[in-house]
Amino acid sequence: MTRERAVQRIERAADEQSVELNLSLFKLKEIPPQIANCKDMTLLVLNRNEITSIPEALGQLFNLNRLVLYENQITSIQKHSGNFPSWTASTSEIIRLPQSPRRLGNCLI
């Protein structure tokens, strides 16, 4: 699957005010910024991509309470001006982050 198809799926989820979205296996290297338009999202699944960073845009999803990132290559969490909502970020591989246990705002990852 391609990034373009992922963006189409994100836009459709935003239009339909979906609360869940699965973008697993899209070979994404980054989370598309359009995800910020999914204001009602409570569950976002991004398994088996090639994502290396958690972008600022996720901080705009105040209803998001579960973020699943298994089998990615997270190396950074971008700084942002707001507070991340309470959600759980799960991943099998977080590389070179200095804290242990790793924290994103008030969320353990």
PDB file of N, CA and C in Angstrom:
ATOM      1  N   MET A   1       0.835  -1.167   0.000  1.00  0.00           N
ATOM      2  CA  MET A   1       0.000   0.000   0.000  1.00  0.00           C
ATOM      3  C   MET A   1       0.890   1.244   0.000  1.00  0.00           C
ATOM      4  N   THR A   2       0.332   2.337  -0.395  1.00  0.00           N
ATOM      5  CA  THR A   2       1.119   3.545  -0.571  1.00  0.00           C
ATOM      6  C   THR A   2       0.698   4.644   0.400  1.00  0.00           C
ATOM      7  N   ARG A   3       1.549   5.652   0.495  1.00  0.00           N
ATOM      8  CA  ARG A   3       1.251   6.808   1.323  1.00  0.00           C
ATOM      9  C   ARG A   3      -0.021   7.497   0.832  1.00  0.00           C
ATOM     10  N   GLU A   4      -0.184   7.581  -0.477  1.00  0.00           N
ATOM     11  CA  GLU A   4      -1.365   8.226  -1.035  1.00  0.00           C
ATOM     12  C   GLU A   4      -2.648   7.533  -0.586  1.00  0.00           C
ATOM     13  N   ARG A   5      -2.623   6.211  -0.572  1.00  0.00           N
ATOM     14  CA  ARG A   5      -3.812   5.461  -0.123  1.00  0.00           C
ATOM     15  C   ARG A   5      -4.040   5.676   1.367  1.00  0.00           C
ATOM     16  N   ALA A   6      -2.960   5.802   2.130  1.00  0.00           N
ATOM     17  CA  ALA A   6      -3.099   6.077   3.553  1.00  0.00           C
ATOM     18  C   ALA A   6      -3.748   7.437   3.767  1.00  0.00           C
ATOM     19  N   VAL A   7      -3.304   8.445   3.018  1.00  0.00           N
ATOM     20  CA  VAL A   7      -3.879   9.790   3.126  1.00  0.00           C
ATOM     21  C   VAL A   7      -5.357   9.757   2.747  1.00  0.00           C
ATOM     22  N   GLN A   8      -5.715   9.020   1.712  1.00  0.00           N
ATOM     23  CA  GLN A   8      -7.126   8.897   1.324  1.00  0.00           C
ATOM     24  C   GLN A   8      -7.945   8.294   2.459  1.00  0.00           C
ATOM     25  N   ARG A   9      -7.379   7.271   3.101  1.00  0.00           N
ATOM     26  CA  ARG A   9      -8.084   6.618   4.200  1.00  0.00           C
ATOM     27  C   ARG A   9      -8.239   7.582   5.390  1.00  0.00           C
ATOM     28  N   ILE A  10      -7.191   8.376   5.653  1.00  0.00           N
ATOM     29  CA  ILE A  10      -7.249   9.369   6.728  1.00  0.00           C
ATOM     30  C   ILE A  10      -8.321  10.407   6.432  1.00  0.00           C
ATOM     31  N   GLU A  11      -8.340  10.911   5.203  1.00  0.00           N
ATOM     32  CA  GLU A  11      -9.331  11.929   4.826  1.00  0.00           C
ATOM     33  C   GLU A  11     -10.754  11.391   4.932  1.00  0.00           C
ATOM     34  N   ARG A  12     -10.941  10.145   4.531  1.00  0.00           N
ATOM     35  CA  ARG A  12     -12.269   9.528   4.640  1.00  0.00           C
ATOM     36  C   ARG A  12     -12.666   9.381   6.110  1.00  0.00           C
ATOM     37  N   ALA A  13     -11.718   8.973   6.951  1.00  0.00           N
ATOM     38  CA  ALA A  13     -11.993   8.831   8.386  1.00  0.00           C
ATOM     39  C   ALA A  13     -12.363  10.178   9.002  1.00  0.00           C
ATOM     40  N   ALA A  14     -11.677  11.237   8.587  1.00  0.00           N
ATOM     41  CA  ALA A  14     -11.994  12.577   9.098  1.00  0.00           C
ATOM     42  C   ALA A  14     -13.388  13.000   8.650  1.00  0.00           C
ATOM     43  N   ASP A  15     -13.711  12.793   7.377  1.00  0.00           N
ATOM     44  CA  ASP A  15     -15.025  13.162   6.844  1.00  0.00           C
ATOM     45  C   ASP A  15     -16.152  12.406   7.537  1.00  0.00           C
ATOM     46  N   GLU A  16     -15.900  11.127   7.839  1.00  0.00           N
ATOM     47  CA  GLU A  16     -16.918  10.280   8.463  1.00  0.00           C
ATOM     48  C   GLU A  16     -16.887  10.341   9.982  1.00  0.00           C
ATOM     49  N   GLN A  17     -15.992  11.147  10.531  1.00  0.00           N
ATOM     50  CA  GLN A  17     -15.808  11.279  11.971  1.00  0.00           C
ATOM     51  C   GLN A  17     -15.590   9.923  12.638  1.00  0.00           C
ATOM     52  N   SER A  18     -14.767   9.103  12.015  1.00  0.00           N
ATOM     53  CA  SER A  18     -14.465   7.769  12.536  1.00  0.00           C
ATOM     54  C   SER A  18     -13.706   7.873  13.855  1.00  0.00           C
ATOM     55  N   VAL A  19     -13.938   6.892  14.710  1.00  0.00           N
ATOM     56  CA  VAL A  19     -13.234   6.859  15.993  1.00  0.00           C
ATOM     57  C   VAL A  19     -12.066   5.879  15.977  1.00  0.00           C
ATOM     58  N   GLU A  20     -11.995   5.042  14.946  1.00  0.00           N
ATOM     59  CA  GLU A  20     -10.912   4.074  14.815  1.00  0.00           C
ATOM     60  C   GLU A  20     -10.360   4.121  13.399  1.00  0.00           C
ATOM     61  N   LEU A  21      -9.036   3.919  13.306  1.00  0.00           N
ATOM     62  CA  LEU A  21      -8.397   3.892  11.992  1.00  0.00           C
ATOM     63  C   LEU A  21      -7.209   2.949  12.051  1.00  0.00           C
ATOM     64  N   ASN A  22      -7.131   2.055  11.075  1.00  0.00           N
ATOM     65  CA  ASN A  22      -6.028   1.113  10.980  1.00  0.00           C
ATOM     66  C   ASN A  22      -5.234   1.420   9.716  1.00  0.00           C
ATOM     67  N   LEU A  23      -3.986   1.822   9.906  1.00  0.00           N
ATOM     68  CA  LEU A  23      -3.079   2.104   8.787  1.00  0.00           C
ATOM     69  C   LEU A  23      -1.877   1.171   8.829  1.00  0.00           C
ATOM     70  N   SER A  24      -2.093  -0.042   9.260  1.00  0.00           N
ATOM     71  CA  SER A  24      -1.016  -1.034   9.309  1.00  0.00           C
ATOM     72  C   SER A  24      -0.627  -1.450   7.896  1.00  0.00           C
ATOM     73  N   LEU A  25       0.641  -1.763   7.725  1.00  0.00           N
ATOM     74  CA  LEU A  25       1.181  -2.301   6.474  1.00  0.00           C
ATOM     75  C   LEU A  25       1.102  -1.338   5.291  1.00  0.00           C
ATOM     76  N   PHE A  26       1.148  -0.049   5.535  1.00  0.00           N
ATOM     77  CA  PHE A  26       1.143   0.938   4.453  1.00  0.00           C
ATOM     78  C   PHE A  26       2.553   1.372   4.051  1.00  0.00           C
ATOM     79  N   LYS A  27       3.564   0.821   4.678  1.00  0.00           N
ATOM     80  CA  LYS A  27       4.959   1.179   4.422  1.00  0.00           C
ATOM     81  C   LYS A  27       5.222   2.667   4.661  1.00  0.00           C
ATOM     82  N   LEU A  28       4.515   3.229   5.646  1.00  0.00           N
ATOM     83  CA  LEU A  28       4.674   4.643   5.962  1.00  0.00           C
ATOM     84  C   LEU A  28       6.012   4.886   6.661  1.00  0.00           C
ATOM     85  N   LYS A  29       6.698   5.922   6.245  1.00  0.00           N
ATOM     86  CA  LYS A  29       7.933   6.329   6.903  1.00  0.00           C
ATOM     87  C   LYS A  29       7.635   7.409   7.942  1.00  0.00           C
ATOM     88  N   GLU A  30       6.499   8.060   7.791  1.00  0.00           N
ATOM     89  CA  GLU A  30       6.041   9.079   8.734  1.00  0.00           C
ATOM     90  C   GLU A  30       4.528   9.030   8.805  1.00  0.00           C
ATOM     91  N   ILE A  31       3.993   9.585   9.880  1.00  0.00           N
ATOM     92  CA  ILE A  31       2.543   9.674  10.019  1.00  0.00           C
ATOM     93  C   ILE A  31       2.104  10.927   9.262  1.00  0.00           C
ATOM     94  N   PRO A  32       1.252  10.792   8.251  1.00  0.00           N
ATOM     95  CA  PRO A  32       0.847  11.963   7.459  1.00  0.00           C
ATOM     96  C   PRO A  32       0.214  13.045   8.333  1.00  0.00           C
ATOM     97  N   PRO A  33       0.522  14.314   8.064  1.00  0.00           N
ATOM     98  CA  PRO A  33      -0.010  15.406   8.887  1.00  0.00           C
ATOM     99  C   PRO A  33      -1.528  15.525   8.825  1.00  0.00           C
ATOM    100  N   GLN A  34      -2.152  14.956   7.806  1.00  0.00           N
ATOM    101  CA  GLN A  34      -3.615  14.987   7.690  1.00  0.00           C
ATOM    102  C   GLN A  34      -4.293  14.292   8.864  1.00  0.00           C
ATOM    103  N   ILE A  35      -3.540  13.485   9.606  1.00  0.00           N
ATOM    104  CA  ILE A  35      -4.108  12.779  10.755  1.00  0.00           C
ATOM    105  C   ILE A  35      -4.689  13.762  11.764  1.00  0.00           C
ATOM    106  N   ALA A  36      -4.172  14.988  11.790  1.00  0.00           N
ATOM    107  CA  ALA A  36      -4.668  16.013  12.727  1.00  0.00           C
ATOM    108  C   ALA A  36      -6.129  16.359  12.479  1.00  0.00           C
ATOM    109  N   ASN A  37      -6.666  16.020  11.307  1.00  0.00           N
ATOM    110  CA  ASN A  37      -8.068  16.300  10.983  1.00  0.00           C
ATOM    111  C   ASN A  37      -9.024  15.266  11.560  1.00  0.00           C
ATOM    112  N   CYS A  38      -8.499  14.205  12.139  1.00  0.00           N
ATOM    113  CA  CYS A  38      -9.328  13.120  12.687  1.00  0.00           C
ATOM    114  C   CYS A  38      -9.613  13.397  14.161  1.00  0.00           C
ATOM    115  N   LYS A  39     -10.347  14.447  14.431  1.00  0.00           N
ATOM    116  CA  LYS A  39     -10.567  14.943  15.791  1.00  0.00           C
ATOM    117  C   LYS A  39     -11.308  13.961  16.694  1.00  0.00           C
ATOM    118  N   ASP A  40     -12.085  13.046  16.134  1.00  0.00           N
ATOM    119  CA  ASP A  40     -12.861  12.105  16.938  1.00  0.00           C
ATOM    120  C   ASP A  40     -12.132  10.786  17.191  1.00  0.00           C
ATOM    121  N   MET A  41     -10.943  10.639  16.649  1.00  0.00           N
ATOM    122  CA  MET A  41     -10.196   9.387  16.717  1.00  0.00           C
ATOM    123  C   MET A  41      -9.882   8.999  18.159  1.00  0.00           C
ATOM    124  N   THR A  42     -10.234   7.753  18.527  1.00  0.00           N
ATOM    125  CA  THR A  42      -9.877   7.228  19.844  1.00  0.00           C
ATOM    126  C   THR A  42      -8.845   6.110  19.737  1.00  0.00           C
ATOM    127  N   LEU A  43      -8.786   5.439  18.580  1.00  0.00           N
ATOM    128  CA  LEU A  43      -7.845   4.344  18.358  1.00  0.00           C
ATOM    129  C   LEU A  43      -7.173   4.525  17.010  1.00  0.00           C
ATOM    130  N   LEU A  44      -5.846   4.546  17.021  1.00  0.00           N
ATOM    131  CA  LEU A  44      -5.068   4.649  15.792  1.00  0.00           C
ATOM    132  C   LEU A  44      -4.046   3.520  15.781  1.00  0.00           C
ATOM    133  N   VAL A  45      -4.132   2.658  14.774  1.00  0.00           N
ATOM    134  CA  VAL A  45      -3.251   1.502  14.655  1.00  0.00           C
ATOM    135  C   VAL A  45      -2.323   1.726  13.464  1.00  0.00           C
ATOM    136  N   LEU A  46      -1.032   1.693  13.717  1.00  0.00           N
ATOM    137  CA  LEU A  46      -0.013   1.948  12.686  1.00  0.00           C
ATOM    138  C   LEU A  46       1.030   0.834  12.666  1.00  0.00           C
ATOM    139  N   ASN A  47       0.629  -0.375  12.912  1.00  0.00           N
ATOM    140  CA  ASN A  47       1.558  -1.510  12.967  1.00  0.00           C
ATOM    141  C   ASN A  47       2.257  -1.762  11.640  1.00  0.00           C
ATOM    142  N   ARG A  48       3.452  -2.307  11.747  1.00  0.00           N
ATOM    143  CA  ARG A  48       4.218  -2.796  10.591  1.00  0.00           C
ATOM    144  C   ARG A  48       4.394  -1.758   9.493  1.00  0.00           C
ATOM    145  N   ASN A  49       4.842  -0.582   9.890  1.00  0.00           N
ATOM    146  CA  ASN A  49       5.240   0.453   8.955  1.00  0.00           C
ATOM    147  C   ASN A  49       6.732   0.688   9.170  1.00  0.00           C
ATOM    148  N   GLU A  50       7.221   1.813   8.729  1.00  0.00           N
ATOM    149  CA  GLU A  50       8.630   2.168   8.911  1.00  0.00           C
ATOM    150  C   GLU A  50       8.737   3.532   9.579  1.00  0.00           C
ATOM    151  N   ILE A  51       7.789   3.809  10.462  1.00  0.00           N
ATOM    152  CA  ILE A  51       7.691   5.110  11.124  1.00  0.00           C
ATOM    153  C   ILE A  51       8.846   5.268  12.103  1.00  0.00           C
ATOM    154  N   THR A  52       9.507   6.429  12.030  1.00  0.00           N
ATOM    155  CA  THR A  52      10.644   6.684  12.911  1.00  0.00           C
ATOM    156  C   THR A  52      10.363   7.751  13.955  1.00  0.00           C
ATOM    157  N   SER A  53       9.282   8.525  13.790  1.00  0.00           N
ATOM    158  CA  SER A  53       9.022   9.578  14.762  1.00  0.00           C
ATOM    159  C   SER A  53       7.532   9.767  14.986  1.00  0.00           C
ATOM    160  N   ILE A  54       7.216  10.232  16.186  1.00  0.00           N
ATOM    161  CA  ILE A  54       5.835  10.537  16.535  1.00  0.00           C
ATOM    162  C   ILE A  54       5.676  12.044  16.367  1.00  0.00           C
ATOM    163  N   PRO A  55       4.844  12.479  15.411  1.00  0.00           N
ATOM    164  CA  PRO A  55       4.776  13.898  15.067  1.00  0.00           C
ATOM    165  C   PRO A  55       3.902  14.724  16.011  1.00  0.00           C
ATOM    166  N   GLU A  56       4.089  16.007  15.924  1.00  0.00           N
ATOM    167  CA  GLU A  56       3.312  16.976  16.681  1.00  0.00           C
ATOM    168  C   GLU A  56       1.817  16.840  16.407  1.00  0.00           C
ATOM    169  N   ALA A  57       1.447  16.468  15.201  1.00  0.00           N
ATOM    170  CA  ALA A  57       0.027  16.369  14.809  1.00  0.00           C
ATOM    171  C   ALA A  57      -0.772  15.456  15.731  1.00  0.00           C
ATOM    172  N   LEU A  58      -0.141  14.433  16.300  1.00  0.00           N
ATOM    173  CA  LEU A  58      -0.880  13.539  17.190  1.00  0.00           C
ATOM    174  C   LEU A  58      -1.315  14.250  18.459  1.00  0.00           C
ATOM    175  N   GLY A  59      -0.616  15.303  18.833  1.00  0.00           N
ATOM    176  CA  GLY A  59      -0.996  16.076  19.999  1.00  0.00           C
ATOM    177  C   GLY A  59      -2.309  16.805  19.833  1.00  0.00           C
ATOM    178  N   GLN A  60      -2.802  16.888  18.610  1.00  0.00           N
ATOM    179  CA  GLN A  60      -4.080  17.548  18.334  1.00  0.00           C
ATOM    180  C   GLN A  60      -5.267  16.588  18.419  1.00  0.00           C
ATOM    181  N   LEU A  61      -4.989  15.315  18.622  1.00  0.00           N
ATOM    182  CA  LEU A  61      -6.050  14.307  18.714  1.00  0.00           C
ATOM    183  C   LEU A  61      -6.397  14.076  20.178  1.00  0.00           C
ATOM    184  N   PHE A  62      -7.185  14.972  20.755  1.00  0.00           N
ATOM    185  CA  PHE A  62      -7.452  14.955  22.183  1.00  0.00           C
ATOM    186  C   PHE A  62      -8.309  13.783  22.631  1.00  0.00           C
ATOM    187  N   ASN A  63      -8.995  13.118  21.717  1.00  0.00           N
ATOM    188  CA  ASN A  63      -9.793  11.941  22.071  1.00  0.00           C
ATOM    189  C   ASN A  63      -8.997  10.650  21.940  1.00  0.00           C
ATOM    190  N   LEU A  64      -7.813  10.729  21.364  1.00  0.00           N
ATOM    191  CA  LEU A  64      -7.004   9.522  21.141  1.00  0.00           C
ATOM    192  C   LEU A  64      -6.570   8.939  22.473  1.00  0.00           C
ATOM    193  N   ASN A  65      -6.969   7.686  22.732  1.00  0.00           N
ATOM    194  CA  ASN A  65      -6.560   7.055  23.973  1.00  0.00           C
ATOM    195  C   ASN A  65      -5.783   5.768  23.748  1.00  0.00           C
ATOM    196  N   ARG A  66      -5.642   5.384  22.482  1.00  0.00           N
ATOM    197  CA  ARG A  66      -4.830   4.201  22.190  1.00  0.00           C
ATOM    198  C   ARG A  66      -4.137   4.390  20.855  1.00  0.00           C
ATOM    199  N   LEU A  67      -2.824   4.331  20.902  1.00  0.00           N
ATOM    200  CA  LEU A  67      -1.984   4.430  19.716  1.00  0.00           C
ATOM    201  C   LEU A  67      -1.135   3.176  19.680  1.00  0.00           C
ATOM    202  N   VAL A  68      -1.237   2.400  18.611  1.00  0.00           N
ATOM    203  CA  VAL A  68      -0.533   1.127  18.518  1.00  0.00           C
ATOM    204  C   VAL A  68       0.487   1.223  17.391  1.00  0.00           C
ATOM    205  N   LEU A  69       1.754   1.019  17.740  1.00  0.00           N
ATOM    206  CA  LEU A  69       2.861   1.213  16.796  1.00  0.00           C
ATOM    207  C   LEU A  69       3.784  -0.006  16.723  1.00  0.00           C
ATOM    208  N   TYR A  70       3.276  -1.190  16.867  1.00  0.00           N
ATOM    209  CA  TYR A  70       4.123  -2.380  16.825  1.00  0.00           C
ATOM    210  C   TYR A  70       4.876  -2.464  15.500  1.00  0.00           C
ATOM    211  N   GLU A  71       6.115  -2.893  15.596  1.00  0.00           N
ATOM    212  CA  GLU A  71       6.983  -3.130  14.442  1.00  0.00           C
ATOM    213  C   GLU A  71       7.201  -1.879  13.588  1.00  0.00           C
ATOM    214  N   ASN A  72       7.629  -0.833  14.254  1.00  0.00           N
ATOM    215  CA  ASN A  72       8.100   0.388  13.621  1.00  0.00           C
ATOM    216  C   ASN A  72       9.504   0.641  14.143  1.00  0.00           C
ATOM    217  N   GLN A  73      10.078   1.765  13.811  1.00  0.00           N
ATOM    218  CA  GLN A  73      11.442   2.079  14.231  1.00  0.00           C
ATOM    219  C   GLN A  73      11.490   3.475  14.837  1.00  0.00           C
ATOM    220  N   ILE A  74      10.729   3.670  15.904  1.00  0.00           N
ATOM    221  CA  ILE A  74      10.620   4.984  16.530  1.00  0.00           C
ATOM    222  C   ILE A  74      11.967   5.392  17.121  1.00  0.00           C
ATOM    223  N   THR A  75      12.480   6.532  16.647  1.00  0.00           N
ATOM    224  CA  THR A  75      13.735   7.064  17.174  1.00  0.00           C
ATOM    225  C   THR A  75      13.546   8.437  17.786  1.00  0.00           C
ATOM    226  N   SER A  76      12.400   9.095  17.531  1.00  0.00           N
ATOM    227  CA  SER A  76      12.197  10.417  18.113  1.00  0.00           C
ATOM    228  C   SER A  76      10.721  10.713  18.315  1.00  0.00           C
ATOM    229  N   ILE A  77      10.503  11.579  19.290  1.00  0.00           N
ATOM    230  CA  ILE A  77       9.172  12.096  19.572  1.00  0.00           C
ATOM    231  C   ILE A  77       9.308  13.600  19.450  1.00  0.00           C
ATOM    232  N   GLN A  78       8.613  14.191  18.489  1.00  0.00           N
ATOM    233  CA  GLN A  78       8.775  15.618  18.218  1.00  0.00           C
ATOM    234  C   GLN A  78       8.204  16.468  19.341  1.00  0.00           C
ATOM    235  N   LYS A  79       8.903  17.564  19.642  1.00  0.00           N
ATOM    236  CA  LYS A  79       8.427  18.504  20.650  1.00  0.00           C
ATOM    237  C   LYS A  79       7.253  19.282  20.071  1.00  0.00           C
ATOM    238  N   HIS A  80       6.417  19.754  20.959  1.00  0.00           N
ATOM    239  CA  HIS A  80       5.224  20.487  20.539  1.00  0.00           C
ATOM    240  C   HIS A  80       4.864  21.479  21.619  1.00  0.00           C
ATOM    241  N   SER A  81       3.983  22.410  21.285  1.00  0.00           N
ATOM    242  CA  SER A  81       3.629  23.450  22.238  1.00  0.00           C
ATOM    243  C   SER A  81       2.530  23.019  23.198  1.00  0.00           C
ATOM    244  N   GLY A  82       1.679  22.107  22.813  1.00  0.00           N
ATOM    245  CA  GLY A  82       0.578  21.679  23.666  1.00  0.00           C
ATOM    246  C   GLY A  82       0.930  20.443  24.469  1.00  0.00           C
ATOM    247  N   ASN A  83      -0.056  19.935  25.189  1.00  0.00           N
ATOM    248  CA  ASN A  83       0.122  18.705  25.950  1.00  0.00           C
ATOM    249  C   ASN A  83      -0.498  17.554  25.188  1.00  0.00           C
ATOM    250  N   PHE A  84       0.183  16.423  25.202  1.00  0.00           N
ATOM    251  CA  PHE A  84      -0.412  15.242  24.606  1.00  0.00           C
ATOM    252  C   PHE A  84      -1.512  14.750  25.523  1.00  0.00           C
ATOM    253  N   PRO A  85      -2.610  14.253  24.957  1.00  0.00           N
ATOM    254  CA  PRO A  85      -3.664  13.676  25.785  1.00  0.00           C
ATOM    255  C   PRO A  85      -3.187  12.354  26.375  1.00  0.00           C
ATOM    256  N   SER A  86      -3.982  11.791  27.248  1.00  0.00           N
ATOM    257  CA  SER A  86      -3.638  10.494  27.823  1.00  0.00           C
ATOM    258  C   SER A  86      -3.908   9.407  26.801  1.00  0.00           C
ATOM    259  N   TRP A  87      -2.869   8.760  26.368  1.00  0.00           N
ATOM    260  CA  TRP A  87      -3.021   7.596  25.504  1.00  0.00           C
ATOM    261  C   TRP A  87      -1.829   6.696  25.645  1.00  0.00           C
ATOM    262  N   THR A  88      -2.031   5.462  25.274  1.00  0.00           N
ATOM    263  CA  THR A  88      -0.979   4.471  25.399  1.00  0.00           C
ATOM    264  C   THR A  88      -0.364   4.233  24.040  1.00  0.00           C
ATOM    265  N   ALA A  89       0.931   4.393  23.950  1.00  0.00           N
ATOM    266  CA  ALA A  89       1.636   4.117  22.703  1.00  0.00           C
ATOM    267  C   ALA A  89       2.410   2.834  22.888  1.00  0.00           C
ATOM    268  N   SER A  90       2.081   1.845  22.113  1.00  0.00           N
ATOM    269  CA  SER A  90       2.734   0.554  22.237  1.00  0.00           C
ATOM    270  C   SER A  90       3.616   0.307  21.032  1.00  0.00           C
ATOM    271  N   THR A  91       4.803  -0.147  21.281  1.00  0.00           N
ATOM    272  CA  THR A  91       5.701  -0.451  20.173  1.00  0.00           C
ATOM    273  C   THR A  91       6.647  -1.551  20.576  1.00  0.00           C
ATOM    274  N   SER A  92       7.069  -2.318  19.628  1.00  0.00           N
ATOM    275  CA  SER A  92       8.011  -3.386  19.925  1.00  0.00           C
ATOM    276  C   SER A  92       9.447  -2.894  19.835  1.00  0.00           C
ATOM    277  N   GLU A  93       9.649  -1.714  19.273  1.00  0.00           N
ATOM    278  CA  GLU A  93      11.010  -1.280  19.034  1.00  0.00           C
ATOM    279  C   GLU A  93      11.112   0.241  19.081  1.00  0.00           C
ATOM    280  N   ILE A  94      11.546   0.761  20.207  1.00  0.00           N
ATOM    281  CA  ILE A  94      11.848   2.186  20.314  1.00  0.00           C
ATOM    282  C   ILE A  94      13.357   2.278  20.486  1.00  0.00           C
ATOM    283  N   ILE A  95      13.983   2.970  19.574  1.00  0.00           N
ATOM    284  CA  ILE A  95      15.444   2.962  19.495  1.00  0.00           C
ATOM    285  C   ILE A  95      16.019   4.292  19.970  1.00  0.00           C
ATOM    286  N   ARG A  96      17.045   4.242  20.791  1.00  0.00           N
ATOM    287  CA  ARG A  96      17.859   5.385  21.195  1.00  0.00           C
ATOM    288  C   ARG A  96      17.100   6.520  21.865  1.00  0.00           C
ATOM    289  N   LEU A  97      16.041   6.221  22.586  1.00  0.00           N
ATOM    290  CA  LEU A  97      15.422   7.256  23.401  1.00  0.00           C
ATOM    291  C   LEU A  97      16.046   7.160  24.791  1.00  0.00           C
ATOM    292  N   PRO A  98      16.454   8.269  25.378  1.00  0.00           N
ATOM    293  CA  PRO A  98      17.287   8.225  26.565  1.00  0.00           C
ATOM    294  C   PRO A  98      16.608   7.811  27.854  1.00  0.00           C
ATOM    295  N   GLN A  99      15.325   7.999  28.012  1.00  0.00           N
ATOM    296  CA  GLN A  99      14.668   7.716  29.271  1.00  0.00           C
ATOM    297  C   GLN A  99      14.232   6.265  29.360  1.00  0.00           C
ATOM    298  N   SER A 100      14.208   5.749  30.573  1.00  0.00           N
ATOM    299  CA  SER A 100      13.686   4.415  30.785  1.00  0.00           C
ATOM    300  C   SER A 100      13.008   4.392  32.148  1.00  0.00           C
ATOM    301  N   PRO A 101      11.739   4.073  32.300  1.00  0.00           N
ATOM    302  CA  PRO A 101      10.850   3.791  31.180  1.00  0.00           C
ATOM    303  C   PRO A 101      10.617   5.047  30.347  1.00  0.00           C
ATOM    304  N   ARG A 102      10.255   4.865  29.109  1.00  0.00           N
ATOM    305  CA  ARG A 102      10.081   5.973  28.184  1.00  0.00           C
ATOM    306  C   ARG A 102       8.720   6.629  28.405  1.00  0.00           C
ATOM    307  N   ARG A 103       8.705   7.952  28.395  1.00  0.00           N
ATOM    308  CA  ARG A 103       7.467   8.692  28.630  1.00  0.00           C
ATOM    309  C   ARG A 103       7.227   9.683  27.509  1.00  0.00           C
ATOM    310  N   LEU A 104       5.975   9.819  27.162  1.00  0.00           N
ATOM    311  CA  LEU A 104       5.522  10.823  26.213  1.00  0.00           C
ATOM    312  C   LEU A 104       4.421  11.577  26.936  1.00  0.00           C
ATOM    313  N   GLY A 105       4.736  12.781  27.384  1.00  0.00           N
ATOM    314  CA  GLY A 105       3.792  13.499  28.220  1.00  0.00           C
ATOM    315  C   GLY A 105       3.520  12.679  29.463  1.00  0.00           C
ATOM    316  N   ASN A 106       2.260  12.390  29.724  1.00  0.00           N
ATOM    317  CA  ASN A 106       1.921  11.571  30.877  1.00  0.00           C
ATOM    318  C   ASN A 106       1.656  10.123  30.479  1.00  0.00           C
ATOM    319  N   CYS A 107       2.174   9.713  29.333  1.00  0.00           N
ATOM    320  CA  CYS A 107       1.908   8.371  28.801  1.00  0.00           C
ATOM    321  C   CYS A 107       3.167   7.554  28.772  1.00  0.00           C
ATOM    322  N   LEU A 108       3.092   6.352  29.244  1.00  0.00           N
ATOM    323  CA  LEU A 108       4.203   5.429  29.209  1.00  0.00           C
ATOM    324  C   LEU A 108       4.212   4.721  27.865  1.00  0.00           C
ATOM    325  N   ILE A 109       5.368   4.698  27.211  1.00  0.00           N
ATOM    326  CA  ILE A 109       5.464   3.996  25.929  1.00  0.00           C
ATOM    327  C   ILE A 109       6.519   2.930  26.005  1.00  0.00           C
TER     328      ILE A 109
END
